[in-house]
Amino acid sequence: MRYVSSIVAAALACVALASAYAFDETKYPDWKGQWMGGWIHRAPGVTGQPSYDPLKSEGRGQGAPLTPEYRKIHEASMADQANGGPGNDL
């Protein structure tokens, strides 16, 4: 019985210590309000899965700003994927 009362006392001490630190909402940004993902409201005519820019189609439609060197690598990867390969995703 002595151990049970020790456990209860320890639990009460933990609760008392935890409640001593009040949550201060002013330390954090206000993220309240309505959140809408791009997949909820797609622009008319935009096809494919939700993408980075919801106003553009997926894949090449996103128009990534690639250098000519990396554009060639990307095109080779896309062609490999179109033929059933892994592309650059190894």
PDB file of N, CA and C in Angstrom:
ATOM      1  N   MET A   1       0.820  -1.198   0.000  1.00  0.00           N
ATOM      2  CA  MET A   1       0.000   0.000   0.000  1.00  0.00           C
ATOM      3  C   MET A   1       0.861   1.258   0.000  1.00  0.00           C
ATOM      4  N   ARG A   2       2.030   1.112   0.587  1.00  0.00           N
ATOM      5  CA  ARG A   2       2.936   2.236   0.650  1.00  0.00           C
ATOM      6  C   ARG A   2       3.352   2.672  -0.764  1.00  0.00           C
ATOM      7  N   TYR A   3       3.538   1.702  -1.695  1.00  0.00           N
ATOM      8  CA  TYR A   3       3.961   2.022  -3.056  1.00  0.00           C
ATOM      9  C   TYR A   3       2.857   2.713  -3.841  1.00  0.00           C
ATOM     10  N   VAL A   4       1.614   2.324  -3.590  1.00  0.00           N
ATOM     11  CA  VAL A   4       0.493   2.938  -4.301  1.00  0.00           C
ATOM     12  C   VAL A   4       0.397   4.414  -3.942  1.00  0.00           C
ATOM     13  N   SER A   5       0.522   4.738  -2.694  1.00  0.00           N
ATOM     14  CA  SER A   5       0.441   6.140  -2.301  1.00  0.00           C
ATOM     15  C   SER A   5       1.632   6.933  -2.848  1.00  0.00           C
ATOM     16  N   SER A   6       2.791   6.290  -2.998  1.00  0.00           N
ATOM     17  CA  SER A   6       3.945   6.969  -3.593  1.00  0.00           C
ATOM     18  C   SER A   6       3.687   7.273  -5.059  1.00  0.00           C
ATOM     19  N   ILE A   7       3.087   6.333  -5.763  1.00  0.00           N
ATOM     20  CA  ILE A   7       2.766   6.526  -7.178  1.00  0.00           C
ATOM     21  C   ILE A   7       1.738   7.635  -7.343  1.00  0.00           C
ATOM     22  N   VAL A   8       0.732   7.637  -6.480  1.00  0.00           N
ATOM     23  CA  VAL A   8      -0.297   8.679  -6.542  1.00  0.00           C
ATOM     24  C   VAL A   8       0.325  10.040  -6.251  1.00  0.00           C
ATOM     25  N   ALA A   9       1.195  10.111  -5.291  1.00  0.00           N
ATOM     26  CA  ALA A   9       1.850  11.377  -4.950  1.00  0.00           C
ATOM     27  C   ALA A   9       2.717  11.863  -6.108  1.00  0.00           C
ATOM     28  N   ALA A  10       3.425  10.951  -6.763  1.00  0.00           N
ATOM     29  CA  ALA A  10       4.257  11.328  -7.899  1.00  0.00           C
ATOM     30  C   ALA A  10       3.397  11.820  -9.060  1.00  0.00           C
ATOM     31  N   ALA A  11       2.279  11.147  -9.293  1.00  0.00           N
ATOM     32  CA  ALA A  11       1.374  11.556 -10.375  1.00  0.00           C
ATOM     33  C   ALA A  11       0.803  12.936 -10.102  1.00  0.00           C
ATOM     34  N   LEU A  12       0.409  13.203  -8.877  1.00  0.00           N
ATOM     35  CA  LEU A  12      -0.131  14.517  -8.521  1.00  0.00           C
ATOM     36  C   LEU A  12       0.932  15.602  -8.656  1.00  0.00           C
ATOM     37  N   ALA A  13       2.166  15.278  -8.326  1.00  0.00           N
ATOM     38  CA  ALA A  13       3.242  16.254  -8.470  1.00  0.00           C
ATOM     39  C   ALA A  13       3.470  16.588  -9.943  1.00  0.00           C
ATOM     40  N   CYS A  14       3.391  15.565 -10.802  1.00  0.00           N
ATOM     41  CA  CYS A  14       3.563  15.805 -12.249  1.00  0.00           C
ATOM     42  C   CYS A  14       2.443  16.681 -12.788  1.00  0.00           C
ATOM     43  N   VAL A  15       1.216  16.423 -12.334  1.00  0.00           N
ATOM     44  CA  VAL A  15       0.081  17.230 -12.780  1.00  0.00           C
ATOM     45  C   VAL A  15       0.245  18.669 -12.309  1.00  0.00           C
ATOM     46  N   ALA A  16       0.691  18.846 -11.090  1.00  0.00           N
ATOM     47  CA  ALA A  16       0.874  20.193 -10.550  1.00  0.00           C
ATOM     48  C   ALA A  16       1.959  20.938 -11.318  1.00  0.00           C
ATOM     49  N   LEU A  17       3.040  20.255 -11.668  1.00  0.00           N
ATOM     50  CA  LEU A  17       4.107  20.900 -12.424  1.00  0.00           C
ATOM     51  C   LEU A  17       3.677  21.229 -13.847  1.00  0.00           C
ATOM     52  N   ALA A  18       2.928  20.327 -14.459  1.00  0.00           N
ATOM     53  CA  ALA A  18       2.484  20.550 -15.839  1.00  0.00           C
ATOM     54  C   ALA A  18       1.510  21.716 -15.918  1.00  0.00           C
ATOM     55  N   SER A  19       0.674  21.862 -14.918  1.00  0.00           N
ATOM     56  CA  SER A  19      -0.299  22.947 -14.951  1.00  0.00           C
ATOM     57  C   SER A  19       0.324  24.294 -14.586  1.00  0.00           C
ATOM     58  N   ALA A  20       1.535  24.281 -14.068  1.00  0.00           N
ATOM     59  CA  ALA A  20       2.194  25.533 -13.706  1.00  0.00           C
ATOM     60  C   ALA A  20       2.601  26.337 -14.932  1.00  0.00           C
ATOM     61  N   TYR A  21       2.838  25.660 -16.064  1.00  0.00           N
ATOM     62  CA  TYR A  21       3.220  26.333 -17.293  1.00  0.00           C
ATOM     63  C   TYR A  21       1.987  26.588 -18.130  1.00  0.00           C
ATOM     64  N   ALA A  22       1.524  27.806 -18.158  1.00  0.00           N
ATOM     65  CA  ALA A  22       0.337  28.150 -18.932  1.00  0.00           C
ATOM     66  C   ALA A  22       0.704  28.299 -20.401  1.00  0.00           C
ATOM     67  N   PHE A  23      -0.212  27.932 -21.275  1.00  0.00           N
ATOM     68  CA  PHE A  23       0.007  28.056 -22.714  1.00  0.00           C
ATOM     69  C   PHE A  23      -0.166  29.511 -23.109  1.00  0.00           C
ATOM     70  N   ASP A  24       0.828  30.062 -23.767  1.00  0.00           N
ATOM     71  CA  ASP A  24       0.802  31.457 -24.168  1.00  0.00           C
ATOM     72  C   ASP A  24       0.621  31.545 -25.681  1.00  0.00           C
ATOM     73  N   GLU A  25      -0.590  31.886 -26.124  1.00  0.00           N
ATOM     74  CA  GLU A  25      -0.889  31.942 -27.551  1.00  0.00           C
ATOM     75  C   GLU A  25      -0.214  33.111 -28.255  1.00  0.00           C
ATOM     76  N   THR A  26       0.231  34.101 -27.516  1.00  0.00           N
ATOM     77  CA  THR A  26       0.838  35.267 -28.149  1.00  0.00           C
ATOM     78  C   THR A  26       2.230  34.961 -28.703  1.00  0.00           C
ATOM     79  N   LYS A  27       2.814  33.830 -28.309  1.00  0.00           N
ATOM     80  CA  LYS A  27       4.127  33.459 -28.809  1.00  0.00           C
ATOM     81  C   LYS A  27       4.086  32.901 -30.228  1.00  0.00           C
ATOM     82  N   TYR A  28       2.897  32.521 -30.683  1.00  0.00           N
ATOM     83  CA  TYR A  28       2.765  31.827 -31.951  1.00  0.00           C
ATOM     84  C   TYR A  28       1.899  32.634 -32.921  1.00  0.00           C
ATOM     85  N   PRO A  29       2.090  32.442 -34.227  1.00  0.00           N
ATOM     86  CA  PRO A  29       1.269  33.186 -35.197  1.00  0.00           C
ATOM     87  C   PRO A  29      -0.182  32.725 -35.158  1.00  0.00           C
ATOM     88  N   ASP A  30      -1.059  33.596 -35.567  1.00  0.00           N
ATOM     89  CA  ASP A  30      -2.494  33.279 -35.602  1.00  0.00           C
ATOM     90  C   ASP A  30      -2.796  32.566 -36.916  1.00  0.00           C
ATOM     91  N   TRP A  31      -2.991  31.261 -36.836  1.00  0.00           N
ATOM     92  CA  TRP A  31      -3.264  30.459 -38.028  1.00  0.00           C
ATOM     93  C   TRP A  31      -4.750  30.163 -38.161  1.00  0.00           C
ATOM     94  N   LYS A  32      -5.578  30.873 -37.461  1.00  0.00           N
ATOM     95  CA  LYS A  32      -7.015  30.635 -37.523  1.00  0.00           C
ATOM     96  C   LYS A  32      -7.578  31.192 -38.819  1.00  0.00           C
ATOM     97  N   GLY A  33      -8.704  30.682 -39.207  1.00  0.00           N
ATOM     98  CA  GLY A  33      -9.338  31.167 -40.421  1.00  0.00           C
ATOM     99  C   GLY A  33      -9.583  30.039 -41.397  1.00  0.00           C
ATOM    100  N   GLN A  34     -10.039  30.384 -42.556  1.00  0.00           N
ATOM    101  CA  GLN A  34     -10.399  29.392 -43.552  1.00  0.00           C
ATOM    102  C   GLN A  34      -9.175  29.034 -44.391  1.00  0.00           C
ATOM    103  N   TRP A  35      -8.940  27.742 -44.537  1.00  0.00           N
ATOM    104  CA  TRP A  35      -7.824  27.259 -45.338  1.00  0.00           C
ATOM    105  C   TRP A  35      -8.397  26.521 -46.532  1.00  0.00           C
ATOM    106  N   MET A  36      -7.911  26.861 -47.724  1.00  0.00           N
ATOM    107  CA  MET A  36      -8.363  26.166 -48.925  1.00  0.00           C
ATOM    108  C   MET A  36      -7.145  25.670 -49.673  1.00  0.00           C
ATOM    109  N   GLY A  37      -7.107  24.369 -49.908  1.00  0.00           N
ATOM    110  CA  GLY A  37      -6.031  23.804 -50.705  1.00  0.00           C
ATOM    111  C   GLY A  37      -6.310  24.018 -52.182  1.00  0.00           C
ATOM    112  N   GLY A  38      -5.272  23.938 -52.988  1.00  0.00           N
ATOM    113  CA  GLY A  38      -5.431  24.114 -54.424  1.00  0.00           C
ATOM    114  C   GLY A  38      -6.277  23.023 -55.051  1.00  0.00           C
ATOM    115  N   TRP A  39      -6.361  21.863 -54.408  1.00  0.00           N
ATOM    116  CA  TRP A  39      -7.128  20.765 -54.959  1.00  0.00           C
ATOM    117  C   TRP A  39      -8.621  20.963 -54.771  1.00  0.00           C
ATOM    118  N   ILE A  40      -9.024  21.899 -53.934  1.00  0.00           N
ATOM    119  CA  ILE A  40     -10.455  22.116 -53.720  1.00  0.00           C
ATOM    120  C   ILE A  40     -11.041  22.927 -54.861  1.00  0.00           C
ATOM    121  N   HIS A  41     -10.381  23.995 -55.211  1.00  0.00           N
ATOM    122  CA  HIS A  41     -10.892  24.877 -56.257  1.00  0.00           C
ATOM    123  C   HIS A  41      -9.874  24.962 -57.385  1.00  0.00           C
ATOM    124  N   ARG A  42     -10.055  24.130 -58.392  1.00  0.00           N
ATOM    125  CA  ARG A  42      -9.154  24.146 -59.537  1.00  0.00           C
ATOM    126  C   ARG A  42      -9.663  25.149 -60.561  1.00  0.00           C
ATOM    127  N   ALA A  43      -8.755  25.741 -61.283  1.00  0.00           N
ATOM    128  CA  ALA A  43      -9.127  26.673 -62.341  1.00  0.00           C
ATOM    129  C   ALA A  43      -9.761  25.887 -63.490  1.00  0.00           C
ATOM    130  N   PRO A  44     -10.717  26.467 -64.198  1.00  0.00           N
ATOM    131  CA  PRO A  44     -11.343  25.759 -65.309  1.00  0.00           C
ATOM    132  C   PRO A  44     -10.313  25.372 -66.372  1.00  0.00           C
ATOM    133  N   GLY A  45     -10.399  24.140 -66.853  1.00  0.00           N
ATOM    134  CA  GLY A  45      -9.501  23.662 -67.891  1.00  0.00           C
ATOM    135  C   GLY A  45      -8.200  23.094 -67.392  1.00  0.00           C
ATOM    136  N   VAL A  46      -7.919  23.165 -66.095  1.00  0.00           N
ATOM    137  CA  VAL A  46      -6.683  22.622 -65.540  1.00  0.00           C
ATOM    138  C   VAL A  46      -6.899  21.138 -65.301  1.00  0.00           C
ATOM    139  N   THR A  47      -5.986  20.313 -65.814  1.00  0.00           N
ATOM    140  CA  THR A  47      -6.145  18.866 -65.709  1.00  0.00           C
ATOM    141  C   THR A  47      -5.131  18.277 -64.745  1.00  0.00           C
ATOM    142  N   GLY A  48      -5.339  17.022 -64.396  1.00  0.00           N
ATOM    143  CA  GLY A  48      -4.379  16.276 -63.589  1.00  0.00           C
ATOM    144  C   GLY A  48      -4.610  16.411 -62.099  1.00  0.00           C
ATOM    145  N   GLN A  49      -3.716  15.772 -61.376  1.00  0.00           N
ATOM    146  CA  GLN A  49      -3.767  15.797 -59.919  1.00  0.00           C
ATOM    147  C   GLN A  49      -3.412  17.191 -59.410  1.00  0.00           C
ATOM    148  N   PRO A  50      -3.749  17.479 -58.172  1.00  0.00           N
ATOM    149  CA  PRO A  50      -3.365  18.770 -57.598  1.00  0.00           C
ATOM    150  C   PRO A  50      -1.853  18.966 -57.701  1.00  0.00           C
ATOM    151  N   SER A  51      -1.464  20.118 -58.097  1.00  0.00           N
ATOM    152  CA  SER A  51      -0.055  20.389 -58.327  1.00  0.00           C
ATOM    153  C   SER A  51       0.410  21.568 -57.493  1.00  0.00           C
ATOM    154  N   TYR A  52       1.644  21.948 -57.667  1.00  0.00           N
ATOM    155  CA  TYR A  52       2.202  23.048 -56.883  1.00  0.00           C
ATOM    156  C   TYR A  52       1.423  24.329 -57.125  1.00  0.00           C
ATOM    157  N   ASP A  53       1.200  24.682 -58.377  1.00  0.00           N
ATOM    158  CA  ASP A  53       0.425  25.870 -58.713  1.00  0.00           C
ATOM    159  C   ASP A  53      -0.949  25.409 -59.201  1.00  0.00           C
ATOM    160  N   PRO A  54      -2.003  25.624 -58.429  1.00  0.00           N
ATOM    161  CA  PRO A  54      -3.316  25.101 -58.797  1.00  0.00           C
ATOM    162  C   PRO A  54      -3.897  25.733 -60.057  1.00  0.00           C
ATOM    163  N   LEU A  55      -3.290  26.791 -60.553  1.00  0.00           N
ATOM    164  CA  LEU A  55      -3.797  27.423 -61.769  1.00  0.00           C
ATOM    165  C   LEU A  55      -3.159  26.841 -63.025  1.00  0.00           C
ATOM    166  N   LYS A  56      -2.210  25.901 -62.857  1.00  0.00           N
ATOM    167  CA  LYS A  56      -1.530  25.285 -63.992  1.00  0.00           C
ATOM    168  C   LYS A  56      -1.741  23.779 -63.963  1.00  0.00           C
ATOM    169  N   SER A  57      -1.664  23.151 -65.141  1.00  0.00           N
ATOM    170  CA  SER A  57      -1.785  21.700 -65.225  1.00  0.00           C
ATOM    171  C   SER A  57      -0.535  21.042 -64.662  1.00  0.00           C
ATOM    172  N   GLU A  58      -0.634  19.734 -64.392  1.00  0.00           N
ATOM    173  CA  GLU A  58       0.502  19.024 -63.808  1.00  0.00           C
ATOM    174  C   GLU A  58       1.605  18.782 -64.831  1.00  0.00           C
ATOM    175  N   GLY A  59       2.731  18.289 -64.355  1.00  0.00           N
ATOM    176  CA  GLY A  59       3.846  17.931 -65.226  1.00  0.00           C
ATOM    177  C   GLY A  59       4.488  19.139 -65.876  1.00  0.00           C
ATOM    178  N   ARG A  60       4.628  19.078 -67.197  1.00  0.00           N
ATOM    179  CA  ARG A  60       5.277  20.166 -67.927  1.00  0.00           C
ATOM    180  C   ARG A  60       4.473  21.459 -67.863  1.00  0.00           C
ATOM    181  N   GLY A  61       3.183  21.341 -67.598  1.00  0.00           N
ATOM    182  CA  GLY A  61       2.334  22.526 -67.507  1.00  0.00           C
ATOM    183  C   GLY A  61       2.723  23.467 -66.384  1.00  0.00           C
ATOM    184  N   GLN A  62       3.448  22.958 -65.398  1.00  0.00           N
ATOM    185  CA  GLN A  62       3.896  23.799 -64.295  1.00  0.00           C
ATOM    186  C   GLN A  62       4.962  24.790 -64.744  1.00  0.00           C
ATOM    187  N   GLY A  63       5.706  24.440 -65.792  1.00  0.00           N
ATOM    188  CA  GLY A  63       6.700  25.366 -66.335  1.00  0.00           C
ATOM    189  C   GLY A  63       7.845  25.633 -65.386  1.00  0.00           C
ATOM    190  N   ALA A  64       8.510  24.572 -64.937  1.00  0.00           N
ATOM    191  CA  ALA A  64       9.642  24.743 -64.025  1.00  0.00           C
ATOM    192  C   ALA A  64      10.758  25.533 -64.699  1.00  0.00           C
ATOM    193  N   PRO A  65      11.367  26.485 -64.012  1.00  0.00           N
ATOM    194  CA  PRO A  65      12.444  27.297 -64.591  1.00  0.00           C
ATOM    195  C   PRO A  65      13.768  26.543 -64.589  1.00  0.00           C
ATOM    196  N   LEU A  66      13.958  25.658 -65.552  1.00  0.00           N
ATOM    197  CA  LEU A  66      15.158  24.829 -65.623  1.00  0.00           C
ATOM    198  C   LEU A  66      16.183  25.421 -66.586  1.00  0.00           C
ATOM    199  N   THR A  67      17.440  25.186 -66.276  1.00  0.00           N
ATOM    200  CA  THR A  67      18.500  25.559 -67.216  1.00  0.00           C
ATOM    201  C   THR A  67      18.448  24.573 -68.379  1.00  0.00           C
ATOM    202  N   PRO A  68      19.026  24.914 -69.521  1.00  0.00           N
ATOM    203  CA  PRO A  68      19.000  23.989 -70.659  1.00  0.00           C
ATOM    204  C   PRO A  68      19.585  22.603 -70.318  1.00  0.00           C
ATOM    205  N   GLU A  69      20.621  22.566 -69.490  1.00  0.00           N
ATOM    206  CA  GLU A  69      21.232  21.289 -69.102  1.00  0.00           C
ATOM    207  C   GLU A  69      20.228  20.418 -68.341  1.00  0.00           C
ATOM    208  N   TYR A  70      19.564  20.992 -67.349  1.00  0.00           N
ATOM    209  CA  TYR A  70      18.629  20.216 -66.551  1.00  0.00           C
ATOM    210  C   TYR A  70      17.305  19.990 -67.279  1.00  0.00           C
ATOM    211  N   ARG A  71      16.958  20.861 -68.211  1.00  0.00           N
ATOM    212  CA  ARG A  71      15.759  20.629 -69.015  1.00  0.00           C
ATOM    213  C   ARG A  71      15.945  19.358 -69.845  1.00  0.00           C
ATOM    214  N   LYS A  72      17.179  19.144 -70.385  1.00  0.00           N
ATOM    215  CA  LYS A  72      17.467  17.946 -71.157  1.00  0.00           C
ATOM    216  C   LYS A  72      17.358  16.701 -70.263  1.00  0.00           C
ATOM    217  N   ILE A  73      17.887  16.780 -69.041  1.00  0.00           N
ATOM    218  CA  ILE A  73      17.801  15.664 -68.092  1.00  0.00           C
ATOM    219  C   ILE A  73      16.347  15.379 -67.753  1.00  0.00           C
ATOM    220  N   HIS A  74      15.566  16.437 -67.524  1.00  0.00           N
ATOM    221  CA  HIS A  74      14.155  16.280 -67.191  1.00  0.00           C
ATOM    222  C   HIS A  74      13.380  15.652 -68.353  1.00  0.00           C
ATOM    223  N   GLU A  75      13.646  16.097 -69.565  1.00  0.00           N
ATOM    224  CA  GLU A  75      12.960  15.545 -70.728  1.00  0.00           C
ATOM    225  C   GLU A  75      13.286  14.061 -70.900  1.00  0.00           C
ATOM    226  N   ALA A  76      14.561  13.687 -70.690  1.00  0.00           N
ATOM    227  CA  ALA A  76      14.951  12.277 -70.784  1.00  0.00           C
ATOM    228  C   ALA A  76      14.248  11.450 -69.715  1.00  0.00           C
ATOM    229  N   SER A  77      14.119  11.992 -68.517  1.00  0.00           N
ATOM    230  CA  SER A  77      13.428  11.299 -67.436  1.00  0.00           C
ATOM    231  C   SER A  77      11.946  11.128 -67.753  1.00  0.00           C
ATOM    232  N   MET A  78      11.320  12.176 -68.262  1.00  0.00           N
ATOM    233  CA  MET A  78       9.896  12.099 -68.617  1.00  0.00           C
ATOM    234  C   MET A  78       9.666  11.086 -69.744  1.00  0.00           C
ATOM    235  N   ALA A  79      10.574  11.042 -70.733  1.00  0.00           N
ATOM    236  CA  ALA A  79      10.444  10.086 -71.822  1.00  0.00           C
ATOM    237  C   ALA A  79      10.589   8.658 -71.303  1.00  0.00           C
ATOM    238  N   ASP A  80      11.530   8.430 -70.386  1.00  0.00           N
ATOM    239  CA  ASP A  80      11.702   7.104 -69.808  1.00  0.00           C
ATOM    240  C   ASP A  80      10.459   6.693 -69.027  1.00  0.00           C
ATOM    241  N   GLN A  81       9.862   7.619 -68.284  1.00  0.00           N
ATOM    242  CA  GLN A  81       8.648   7.317 -67.525  1.00  0.00           C
ATOM    243  C   GLN A  81       7.482   7.016 -68.454  1.00  0.00           C
ATOM    244  N   ALA A  82       7.405   7.730 -69.573  1.00  0.00           N
ATOM    245  CA  ALA A  82       6.335   7.478 -70.535  1.00  0.00           C
ATOM    246  C   ALA A  82       6.444   6.086 -71.140  1.00  0.00           C
ATOM    247  N   ASN A  83       7.670   5.550 -71.200  1.00  0.00           N
ATOM    248  CA  ASN A  83       7.877   4.202 -71.723  1.00  0.00           C
ATOM    249  C   ASN A  83       7.836   3.132 -70.631  1.00  0.00           C
ATOM    250  N   GLY A  84       7.435   3.521 -69.423  1.00  0.00           N
ATOM    251  CA  GLY A  84       7.295   2.554 -68.327  1.00  0.00           C
ATOM    252  C   GLY A  84       8.499   2.426 -67.444  1.00  0.00           C
ATOM    253  N   GLY A  85       9.534   3.209 -67.680  1.00  0.00           N
ATOM    254  CA  GLY A  85      10.739   3.138 -66.853  1.00  0.00           C
ATOM    255  C   GLY A  85      10.620   4.017 -65.624  1.00  0.00           C
ATOM    256  N   PRO A  86      11.634   3.975 -64.739  1.00  0.00           N
ATOM    257  CA  PRO A  86      11.591   4.781 -63.526  1.00  0.00           C
ATOM    258  C   PRO A  86      12.003   6.233 -63.717  1.00  0.00           C
ATOM    259  N   GLY A  87      12.566   6.550 -64.881  1.00  0.00           N
ATOM    260  CA  GLY A  87      13.071   7.920 -65.068  1.00  0.00           C
ATOM    261  C   GLY A  87      14.239   8.151 -64.154  1.00  0.00           C
ATOM    262  N   ASN A  88      14.299   9.308 -63.514  1.00  0.00           N
ATOM    263  CA  ASN A  88      15.381   9.607 -62.565  1.00  0.00           C
ATOM    264  C   ASN A  88      15.026   9.187 -61.147  1.00  0.00           C
ATOM    265  N   ASP A  89      13.887   8.541 -60.979  1.00  0.00           N
ATOM    266  CA  ASP A  89      13.441   8.127 -59.651  1.00  0.00           C
ATOM    267  C   ASP A  89      13.937   6.719 -59.369  1.00  0.00           C
ATOM    268  N   LEU A  90      15.182   6.609 -58.993  1.00  0.00           N
ATOM    269  CA  LEU A  90      15.772   5.286 -58.761  1.00  0.00           C
ATOM    270  C   LEU A  90      15.815   4.952 -57.315  1.00  0.00           C
TER     271      LEU A  90
END
